[in-house]
Protein backbone atom coordinates (compact mmCIF):
# COMPACT_ATOMS: atom_id res chain seq x y z
CA MET A 1 0.00 0.00 0.00
CA VAL A 2 2.46 2.60 -1.24
CA LEU A 3 1.35 5.31 -3.62
CA PRO A 4 2.66 3.87 -6.93
CA VAL A 5 1.06 0.49 -6.16
CA MET A 6 -2.17 2.17 -5.11
CA SER A 7 -2.18 4.14 -8.36
CA GLU A 8 -1.64 0.97 -10.39
CA TRP A 9 -4.50 -0.81 -8.64
CA ALA A 10 -6.80 2.20 -9.00
CA ILE A 11 -6.46 1.92 -12.79
CA LYS A 12 -7.16 -1.80 -12.60
CA LYS A 13 -10.20 -1.16 -10.42
CA GLY A 14 -11.53 1.83 -12.38
CA ILE A 15 -11.13 4.38 -9.58
CA ASP A 16 -10.35 7.96 -10.58
CA ILE A 17 -9.56 9.48 -7.18
CA LEU A 18 -8.06 7.82 -4.11
CA ALA A 19 -7.62 9.14 -0.60
CA THR A 20 -4.00 9.17 0.53
CA ALA A 21 -4.83 8.30 4.16
CA ASP A 22 -2.50 8.63 7.14
CA TRP A 23 -0.94 12.03 6.48
CA THR A 24 -0.49 12.52 10.23
CA HIS A 25 2.21 9.83 10.30
CA PRO A 26 5.68 11.40 9.77
CA LEU A 27 7.00 8.63 7.49
CA TRP A 28 3.87 8.51 5.35
CA SER A 29 3.73 12.30 5.21
CA ARG A 30 7.27 12.26 3.83
CA HIS A 31 6.25 9.57 1.31
CA LEU A 32 3.40 11.82 0.11
CA LYS A 33 5.72 14.77 -0.41
CA GLU A 34 8.27 12.62 -2.27
CA GLU A 35 5.83 10.77 -4.54
CA LEU A 36 3.04 13.25 -5.29
CA GLU A 37 2.77 16.35 -7.42
CA GLU A 38 -0.23 18.63 -7.63
CA ASP A 39 -2.50 18.04 -10.63
CA GLY A 40 -5.37 20.46 -10.30
CA GLU A 41 -6.45 22.45 -7.29
CA GLY A 42 -6.05 20.36 -4.15
CA LEU A 43 -5.66 17.01 -5.94
CA PHE A 44 -2.41 15.17 -6.63
CA LYS A 45 -0.95 12.45 -8.84
CA VAL A 46 2.01 10.10 -8.56
CA LYS A 47 5.11 11.46 -10.27
CA ASN A 48 6.14 9.64 -13.46
CA SER A 49 3.35 7.08 -13.10
CA SER A 50 2.77 4.47 -15.78
CA SER A 51 0.49 1.43 -15.82
CA LYS A 52 0.47 -1.86 -17.68
CA PHE A 53 -3.33 -1.77 -17.62
CA LYS A 54 -5.09 -0.13 -20.52
CA SER A 55 -7.18 2.92 -19.72
CA GLU A 56 -8.57 5.82 -21.71
CA LYS A 57 -8.44 8.02 -18.62
CA LYS A 58 -5.52 9.84 -17.02
CA ASP A 59 -3.66 8.37 -14.08
CA PRO A 60 -5.69 8.42 -10.85
CA LEU A 61 -5.61 11.45 -8.59
CA PHE A 62 -5.21 11.59 -4.81
CA ILE A 63 -7.02 13.68 -2.21
CA LEU A 64 -5.28 14.36 1.10
CA SER A 65 -7.06 12.54 3.90
CA THR A 66 -6.42 10.92 7.25
CA GLU A 67 -8.40 9.09 9.91
CA ILE A 68 -8.24 10.23 13.53
CA SER A 69 -9.30 8.25 16.61
CA SER A 70 -10.66 10.41 19.42
CA ILE A 71 -10.91 8.64 22.78
CA TYR A 72 -12.28 10.78 25.61
CA SER A 73 -14.88 10.95 28.37
CA GLN A 74 -18.18 12.78 27.94
CA GLY A 75 -21.39 12.47 29.91
CA GLY A 76 -19.85 9.91 32.28
CA LYS A 77 -19.05 7.53 29.42
CA THR A 78 -15.91 6.72 27.43
CA ARG A 79 -16.35 7.81 23.80
CA ARG A 80 -14.37 6.38 20.91
CA ILE A 81 -15.04 8.24 17.66
CA HIS A 82 -13.24 7.87 14.31
CA ASN A 83 -13.36 10.79 11.90
CA LEU A 84 -11.94 11.44 8.43
CA ILE A 85 -10.26 14.77 7.70
CA PHE A 86 -9.86 15.97 4.11
CA ALA A 87 -7.33 18.77 3.61
CA PRO A 88 -7.13 21.04 0.55
CA SER A 89 -3.34 21.39 0.59
CA LEU A 90 -0.08 20.04 1.98
CA GLY A 91 0.26 23.37 3.80
CA THR A 92 -2.93 22.65 5.73
CA VAL A 93 -1.68 19.14 6.50
CA GLU A 94 1.56 20.56 7.94
CA LYS A 95 -0.33 23.09 10.10
CA ILE A 96 -2.65 20.43 11.55
CA ASN A 97 0.24 18.06 12.23
CA LYS A 98 2.22 20.86 13.90
CA GLU A 99 -0.75 21.63 16.15
CA PHE A 100 -1.11 17.95 17.05
CA LEU A 101 2.59 17.74 17.93
CA ARG A 102 2.34 20.90 20.01
CA ARG A 103 -0.29 19.07 22.07
CA SER A 104 2.09 16.08 22.43
CA PHE A 105 -0.01 13.66 20.38
CA ASN A 106 2.02 10.61 19.33
CA LEU A 107 1.69 10.75 15.55
CA ALA A 108 4.38 8.11 14.93
CA SER A 109 2.54 5.36 16.81
CA ASP A 110 -0.02 4.53 14.12
CA GLY A 111 -1.37 5.62 10.76
CA ARG A 112 -4.59 6.42 12.59
CA PRO A 113 -3.37 8.27 15.70
CA ILE A 114 -5.27 8.22 18.97
CA ILE A 115 -5.79 11.68 20.42
CA GLY A 116 -7.41 12.93 23.61
CA LEU A 117 -9.40 15.66 21.86
CA SER A 118 -13.16 15.23 21.66
CA ALA A 119 -14.71 14.99 18.21
CA LYS A 120 -16.10 18.50 18.70
CA ASP A 121 -12.75 19.97 19.71
CA LEU A 122 -11.02 18.19 16.83
CA LEU A 123 -13.46 19.76 14.35
CA GLU A 124 -12.96 23.19 15.95
CA LEU A 125 -9.17 22.84 15.67
CA VAL A 126 -9.31 21.78 12.01
CA LEU A 127 -11.68 24.57 10.95
CA THR A 128 -9.62 27.15 12.83
CA ILE A 129 -6.62 26.14 10.73
CA ASP A 130 -8.49 25.89 7.41
CA LYS A 131 -12.21 26.53 7.01
CA GLU A 132 -12.17 24.68 3.66
CA ALA A 133 -11.14 21.38 5.30
CA ILE A 134 -13.85 18.72 5.74
CA LEU A 135 -14.48 16.39 8.67
CA ILE A 136 -16.64 13.32 8.03
CA PRO A 137 -17.61 10.78 10.73
CA CYS A 138 -16.43 7.47 9.26
CA HIS A 139 -17.96 3.97 9.48
CA ALA A 140 -20.63 5.82 11.43
CA TRP A 141 -22.33 2.73 12.89
CA THR A 142 -19.43 0.50 13.95
CA PRO A 143 -20.13 -0.54 17.58
CA TRP A 144 -16.81 0.40 19.17
CA PHE A 145 -15.41 3.39 17.26
CA SER A 146 -18.01 5.62 15.62
CA LEU A 147 -20.49 8.46 15.85
CA TYR A 148 -23.55 6.23 16.35
CA GLY A 149 -21.68 3.22 17.77
CA SER A 150 -23.67 1.15 20.24
CA MET A 151 -20.72 0.72 22.61
CA SER A 152 -19.09 4.14 22.71
CA GLY A 153 -20.91 6.57 20.42
CA PHE A 154 -23.76 9.06 20.58
CA ASP A 155 -27.44 9.17 19.66
CA SER A 156 -27.10 12.25 17.46
CA ILE A 157 -24.67 14.50 15.61
CA GLU A 158 -25.51 17.39 17.93
CA GLU A 159 -24.75 15.33 21.03
CA CYS A 160 -21.32 14.54 19.59
CA PHE A 161 -20.33 17.83 17.94
CA GLY A 162 -22.39 20.42 19.82
CA LYS A 163 -22.39 23.90 18.26
CA TYR A 164 -20.17 22.62 15.43
CA SER A 165 -22.84 20.17 14.21
CA LYS A 166 -23.67 22.54 11.36
CA PHE A 167 -20.25 21.76 9.88
CA ILE A 168 -20.96 18.02 9.62
CA PHE A 169 -22.17 17.75 6.04
CA GLY A 170 -22.23 13.98 5.68
CA VAL A 171 -21.40 10.60 7.16
CA GLU A 172 -19.56 7.56 5.80
CA THR A 173 -21.63 4.39 5.95
CA GLY A 174 -18.98 1.78 6.77
CA LEU A 175 -19.09 -1.78 5.48
CA SER A 176 -21.83 -2.95 7.86
CA SER A 177 -24.46 -0.41 6.82
CA ASP A 178 -25.77 0.74 3.47
CA PRO A 179 -27.56 3.98 2.46
CA VAL A 180 -31.12 2.74 2.94
CA MET A 181 -30.33 2.09 6.61
CA ASN A 182 -29.03 5.65 6.93
CA TRP A 183 -32.05 7.09 5.10
CA ARG A 184 -34.14 6.03 8.11
CA ILE A 185 -32.32 8.50 10.40
CA LYS A 186 -34.13 11.84 10.52
CA GLU A 187 -31.06 14.03 11.04
CA LEU A 188 -29.38 12.52 7.96
CA LYS A 189 -32.19 13.65 5.64
CA ASN A 190 -30.10 16.53 4.29
CA LYS A 191 -26.66 15.01 4.74
CA ALA A 192 -24.40 13.43 2.15
CA ILE A 193 -24.18 9.65 2.49
CA LEU A 194 -20.63 8.68 1.48
CA SER A 195 -19.10 5.25 0.99
CA SER A 196 -15.49 4.11 0.93
CA SER A 197 -13.60 0.84 0.94
CA ASP A 198 -11.61 1.20 4.18
CA SER A 199 -9.07 -0.95 2.37
CA HIS A 200 -5.98 -2.28 4.11
CA SER A 201 -4.67 -3.96 0.97
CA PRO A 202 -4.74 -2.92 -2.72
CA ALA A 203 -7.09 -5.75 -3.74
CA LYS A 204 -9.83 -4.41 -1.44
CA MET A 205 -9.79 -0.93 -2.96
CA GLY A 206 -13.11 -0.06 -4.56
CA ARG A 207 -15.24 -2.55 -2.65
CA GLU A 208 -17.12 0.63 -1.74
CA ALA A 209 -16.85 4.02 -3.45
CA THR A 210 -18.60 7.33 -3.98
CA VAL A 211 -19.27 8.39 -7.58
CA PHE A 212 -19.24 12.13 -8.25
CA GLU A 213 -20.38 14.19 -11.21
CA LEU A 214 -18.04 17.20 -11.22
CA GLU A 215 -17.51 20.18 -13.50
CA LYS A 216 -13.81 19.53 -13.00
CA PRO A 217 -11.79 17.35 -10.63
CA THR A 218 -10.63 19.66 -7.84
CA PHE A 219 -10.86 19.62 -4.06
CA LYS A 220 -13.25 22.56 -4.20
CA ASN A 221 -15.63 20.75 -6.57
CA ILE A 222 -15.63 17.62 -4.41
CA ARG A 223 -16.30 19.77 -1.35
CA ARG A 224 -19.24 21.44 -3.12
CA ALA A 225 -20.70 18.05 -3.99
CA ILE A 226 -20.50 16.90 -0.36
CA LEU A 227 -21.98 20.14 0.97
CA GLY A 228 -24.77 20.21 -1.62
CA PRO A 229 -27.50 18.25 0.21
CA SER A 230 -27.04 20.38 3.36
CA LEU A 231 -27.27 23.69 1.49
CA LYS A 232 -29.54 23.18 -1.52
CA PRO A 233 -32.93 21.40 -1.60
CA ASN A 234 -32.40 20.79 -5.33
CA TRP A 235 -28.86 19.40 -4.84
CA SER A 236 -29.41 16.78 -7.58
CA LYS A 237 -29.44 19.54 -10.21
CA LEU A 238 -26.14 21.08 -9.08
CA PRO A 239 -23.15 20.80 -11.47
CA ASP A 240 -21.12 19.21 -8.65
CA ARG A 241 -22.97 16.40 -6.93
CA ILE A 242 -22.87 12.81 -5.75
CA ASP A 243 -24.34 10.64 -8.51
CA TYR A 244 -24.42 7.29 -6.70
CA THR A 245 -22.49 5.09 -4.31
CA ILE A 246 -21.09 1.59 -4.69
CA GLU A 247 -21.76 -0.57 -1.65
CA PHE A 248 -20.54 -3.74 -0.01
CA TYR A 249 -23.52 -5.89 0.95
CA PRO A 250 -23.91 -4.70 4.58
CA GLU A 251 -24.61 -8.26 5.74
CA GLU A 252 -21.04 -9.06 4.70
CA GLY A 253 -19.69 -6.42 7.11
CA LYS A 254 -18.13 -7.43 10.42
CA TYR A 255 -20.75 -5.86 12.67
CA HIS A 256 -24.06 -6.17 10.85
CA TYR A 257 -25.80 -8.44 13.39
CA THR A 258 -25.60 -8.59 17.18
CA GLY A 259 -23.59 -11.41 18.71
CA HIS A 260 -20.55 -12.93 20.41
CA ARG A 261 -17.92 -14.35 18.10
CA ASN A 262 -16.22 -16.55 20.72
CA CYS A 263 -19.54 -18.01 21.90
CA ARG A 264 -20.85 -18.44 18.32
CA VAL A 265 -24.02 -16.54 19.25
CA VAL A 266 -25.57 -14.33 16.55
CA GLN A 267 -28.93 -12.53 16.59
CA SER A 268 -30.98 -10.47 14.17
CA PRO A 269 -32.64 -7.28 15.51
CA LYS A 270 -35.91 -9.19 15.89
CA GLU A 271 -34.21 -11.94 17.87
CA THR A 272 -32.43 -9.38 20.06
CA LYS A 273 -35.76 -7.75 20.88
CA GLU A 274 -37.14 -11.14 21.89
CA LYS A 275 -34.10 -12.57 23.69
CA GLY A 276 -32.37 -9.42 24.91
CA PRO A 277 -28.75 -8.28 24.49
CA ILE A 278 -27.24 -10.82 26.93
CA CYS A 279 -25.24 -13.77 25.62
CA SER A 280 -26.97 -17.10 26.30
CA VAL A 281 -23.57 -18.82 26.65
CA CYS A 282 -21.30 -16.54 28.73
CA LYS A 283 -24.07 -14.35 30.20
CA LYS A 284 -22.22 -11.15 29.28
CA GLY A 285 -23.48 -8.33 27.08
CA LEU A 286 -23.50 -9.04 23.35
CA THR A 287 -21.82 -6.70 20.86
CA VAL A 288 -24.87 -4.84 19.57
CA GLY A 289 -24.73 -4.86 15.78
CA VAL A 290 -25.28 -2.07 13.29
CA MET A 291 -28.71 -3.29 12.19
CA HIS A 292 -30.04 -3.28 15.76
CA ARG A 293 -28.49 0.12 16.45
CA VAL A 294 -30.22 1.57 13.38
CA GLU A 295 -33.52 0.15 14.68
CA GLN A 296 -32.91 1.94 17.98
CA LEU A 297 -32.36 5.37 16.40
CA ALA A 298 -34.53 5.22 13.28
CA LYS A 299 -37.61 7.43 13.12
CA LYS A 300 -39.10 5.79 10.04
CA GLU A 301 -39.33 2.43 8.31
CA ASP A 302 -37.38 1.29 5.27
CA ALA A 303 -38.50 3.03 2.09
CA PHE A 304 -36.81 2.31 -1.21
CA VAL A 305 -37.49 1.50 -4.85
CA GLU A 306 -35.62 -1.03 -6.98
CA GLU A 307 -34.80 -0.10 -10.58
CA ILE A 308 -33.07 -2.27 -13.19
CA ASP A 309 -30.90 -0.61 -15.83
CA PRO A 310 -30.27 -1.92 -19.39
CA ASN A 311 -27.22 -3.88 -18.16
CA GLY A 312 -29.38 -5.82 -15.70
CA VAL A 313 -27.98 -3.97 -12.67
CA LYS A 314 -30.48 -3.54 -9.84
CA TRP A 315 -30.25 -0.07 -8.26
CA ILE A 316 -31.77 1.07 -4.96
CA THR A 317 -33.31 4.56 -5.06
CA ASP A 318 -34.74 6.86 -2.40
CA PRO A 319 -38.42 7.56 -3.25
CA SER A 320 -38.24 10.85 -1.33
CA GLY A 321 -35.48 12.10 -3.64
CA ASN A 322 -33.38 13.20 -0.67
CA HIS A 323 -30.42 10.97 -1.49
CA PRO A 324 -28.61 9.51 -4.51
CA LYS A 325 -29.17 5.92 -5.60
CA TYR A 326 -26.77 3.11 -4.84
CA VAL A 327 -25.80 -0.38 -5.94
CA ASN A 328 -24.60 -3.38 -3.91
CA LEU A 329 -21.73 -5.32 -5.49
CA VAL A 330 -19.51 -8.29 -4.68
CA PRO A 331 -15.81 -7.73 -5.51
CA LEU A 332 -14.79 -9.38 -8.78
CA LEU A 333 -12.00 -11.35 -7.08
CA GLU A 334 -14.61 -13.04 -4.86
CA ILE A 335 -16.79 -13.89 -7.87
CA VAL A 336 -13.77 -15.37 -9.66
CA ALA A 337 -12.80 -17.40 -6.60
CA GLU A 338 -16.26 -18.90 -6.14
CA SER A 339 -16.65 -19.63 -9.85
CA LEU A 340 -13.36 -21.53 -9.77
CA GLY A 341 -14.05 -23.21 -6.47
CA ARG A 342 -10.77 -21.84 -5.12
CA PRO A 343 -9.79 -19.43 -2.30
CA VAL A 344 -9.55 -15.71 -3.03
CA SER A 345 -5.86 -15.89 -2.13
CA SER A 346 -5.02 -18.72 -4.55
CA VAL A 347 -2.54 -18.11 -7.36
CA ARG A 348 -5.02 -19.34 -9.98
CA THR A 349 -7.76 -17.00 -8.75
CA LYS A 350 -5.40 -14.03 -8.99
CA GLU A 351 -4.20 -15.07 -12.46
CA VAL A 352 -7.75 -15.27 -13.79
CA TYR A 353 -8.64 -11.93 -12.20
CA GLU A 354 -5.61 -10.21 -13.72
CA ASN A 355 -6.34 -11.65 -17.17
CA ILE A 356 -9.97 -10.53 -17.07
CA CYS A 357 -9.05 -6.96 -16.11
CA LYS A 358 -6.37 -6.75 -18.79
CA ASN A 359 -8.76 -7.90 -21.51
CA LEU A 360 -12.10 -6.43 -20.44
CA GLY A 361 -11.04 -3.27 -18.63
CA PRO A 362 -11.46 -1.94 -15.07
CA GLU A 363 -13.18 -4.11 -12.47
CA LEU A 364 -16.01 -1.67 -11.73
CA ASP A 365 -16.89 -1.47 -15.42
CA ILE A 366 -16.98 -5.26 -15.59
CA LEU A 367 -19.33 -5.39 -12.61
CA LEU A 368 -21.60 -2.56 -13.82
CA ASN A 369 -21.35 -1.84 -17.53
CA ILE A 370 -19.89 -4.56 -19.73
CA SER A 371 -22.42 -6.90 -21.31
CA ILE A 372 -22.77 -10.41 -19.93
CA ASP A 373 -22.10 -11.76 -23.43
CA GLU A 374 -18.75 -9.93 -23.59
CA ILE A 375 -17.81 -11.25 -20.15
CA SER A 376 -18.76 -14.77 -21.21
CA ILE A 377 -16.50 -14.59 -24.28
CA ILE A 378 -13.51 -13.46 -22.23
CA ALA A 379 -14.03 -15.23 -18.91
CA GLY A 380 -16.39 -18.11 -19.58
CA GLU A 381 -20.07 -18.72 -18.89
CA LYS A 382 -19.65 -19.52 -15.19
CA LEU A 383 -17.98 -16.20 -14.36
CA ALA A 384 -20.48 -14.31 -16.53
CA GLU A 385 -23.32 -16.00 -14.66
CA GLY A 386 -21.75 -14.89 -11.37
CA VAL A 387 -21.62 -11.26 -12.50
CA ARG A 388 -25.22 -11.48 -13.68
CA LYS A 389 -26.36 -12.89 -10.32
CA VAL A 390 -24.54 -10.12 -8.44
CA ARG A 391 -26.11 -7.45 -10.67
CA GLN A 392 -29.55 -8.89 -9.95
CA ARG A 393 -28.86 -9.26 -6.19
CA ASP A 394 -29.45 -12.99 -6.59
CA ILE A 395 -27.06 -14.09 -3.85
CA VAL A 396 -27.14 -15.52 -0.32
CA ILE A 397 -25.25 -13.95 2.61
CA LYS A 398 -24.67 -15.22 6.13
CA PRO A 399 -24.49 -11.96 8.14
CA GLY A 400 -21.31 -10.92 9.93
CA PHE A 401 -21.23 -10.13 13.65
CA ASP A 402 -18.88 -9.10 16.48
CA GLY A 403 -15.85 -8.54 14.23
CA GLU A 404 -16.42 -11.52 11.91
CA TYR A 405 -17.14 -10.89 8.23
CA GLY A 406 -20.31 -12.29 6.72
CA VAL A 407 -20.08 -15.05 4.12
CA VAL A 408 -21.31 -14.47 0.56
CA LYS A 409 -22.53 -17.34 -1.60
CA ILE A 410 -23.32 -16.56 -5.22
CA TRP A 411 -24.15 -20.19 -5.93
CA ASN A 412 -25.93 -22.28 -3.33
CA SER A 413 -23.89 -25.31 -4.35
CA ASP A 414 -20.25 -25.60 -5.32
CA GLY A 415 -21.07 -25.91 -9.03
CA GLU A 416 -18.65 -26.42 -11.84
CA GLN A 417 -15.39 -24.61 -12.22
CA ALA A 418 -15.18 -21.68 -14.58
CA GLU A 419 -14.09 -22.03 -18.15
CA GLU A 420 -10.57 -20.83 -18.88
CA PRO A 421 -10.53 -17.11 -19.78
CA LEU A 422 -9.95 -16.18 -23.41
CA THR A 423 -8.41 -13.01 -24.77
CA GLY A 424 -10.46 -10.11 -26.01
CA LYS A 425 -10.67 -6.43 -26.79
CA GLN A 426 -10.43 -3.52 -24.41
CA LEU A 427 -13.84 -2.02 -23.60
CA LYS A 428 -14.58 1.61 -22.88
CA SER A 429 -15.54 2.76 -19.38
CA LYS A 430 -18.12 5.34 -18.36
CA ASP A 431 -16.96 8.92 -18.06
CA GLN A 432 -17.58 9.38 -14.36
CA LEU A 433 -15.38 9.95 -11.34
CA ARG A 434 -15.25 7.22 -8.73
CA LEU A 435 -13.68 8.29 -5.47
CA ASP A 436 -12.52 5.78 -2.87
CA PHE A 437 -11.64 7.14 0.54
């Protein structure tokens, strides 16, 4: 996960803009300064980058971001809140880091430093340094480290950020929730709902992403798109806006259901209401999952409409028009692995994946745009069937809980192995900007 490798994988994935992450860490901050050059206002690219993967677009850009862990006491309870900070310049990054060091925060201990500032005080500090910077509560529903977390969070944005709540223009869903769950929360009606991969390895980049329509790719335009829903009732007609988000299936996330991993106890929200939040095995409190936490705070029931596009992709739309649509996808590497009957980490799985991307184009275009017939010619009928099933949401998932990922099954039985991939032509991708935080 160094910048040139990230750039290479972004092309393979079909991601136009990546977040740098971790600019508070002194070694990574130095890496950013050595490897990046500005390419547009507030966005950067890797110096002398070249890719072996074919693409009609320019090399991917980077936006300066970092994740901060605030651990503090408020209201007689320990709070653990993770927030993303997006900075418009390296100068702003240096000023924030200098202020952190002045307060004796240990920035060298981790890429995501732990600080004693409250989320509110962190936001105040950032905006005092640069009012154009953006703070977004990330993986907003994770039990242990988030804004709404059941174990150490808050019940509202105002409770967390106080008088600075007006500067919270959106939240990031995290892997265990999807937009429709967030649409149920009244205070998020006019907030941007952002999605990002939270990737810790290049292969996981793009498993979630936010797709922007921008007049031009700059920090300012991205900021306008995020602020739009909070400032303009007709945000969807703005020249800079969020067009849609790409989502992990939330059931596959590590904290979707309530449970205890060690005791092998897992409960849906309905079961938790009936049985309570106490483990039947060890008699201790269960880790309350994201789905149950949403049920606790939601002021309205699920409301969504399913629409199928000409490529057979099933989209989820907000009937109220308050939020952009979204799509749930399974990463192509997982589809390849299941079609072959091999692990995701196997050499053969990776070889097939690489060949498909070289011949068909970026992964996200394969999952969303390229015809099933084209995929079948290049990758065989079994793989094409897997992509079709994912587009139609025709899959089975065993929900994750208490830090354990859910299990996706595209086919209910093992099935036959995929046909060997053939070679084929490069296909064009859609002219949109996909941003992965």
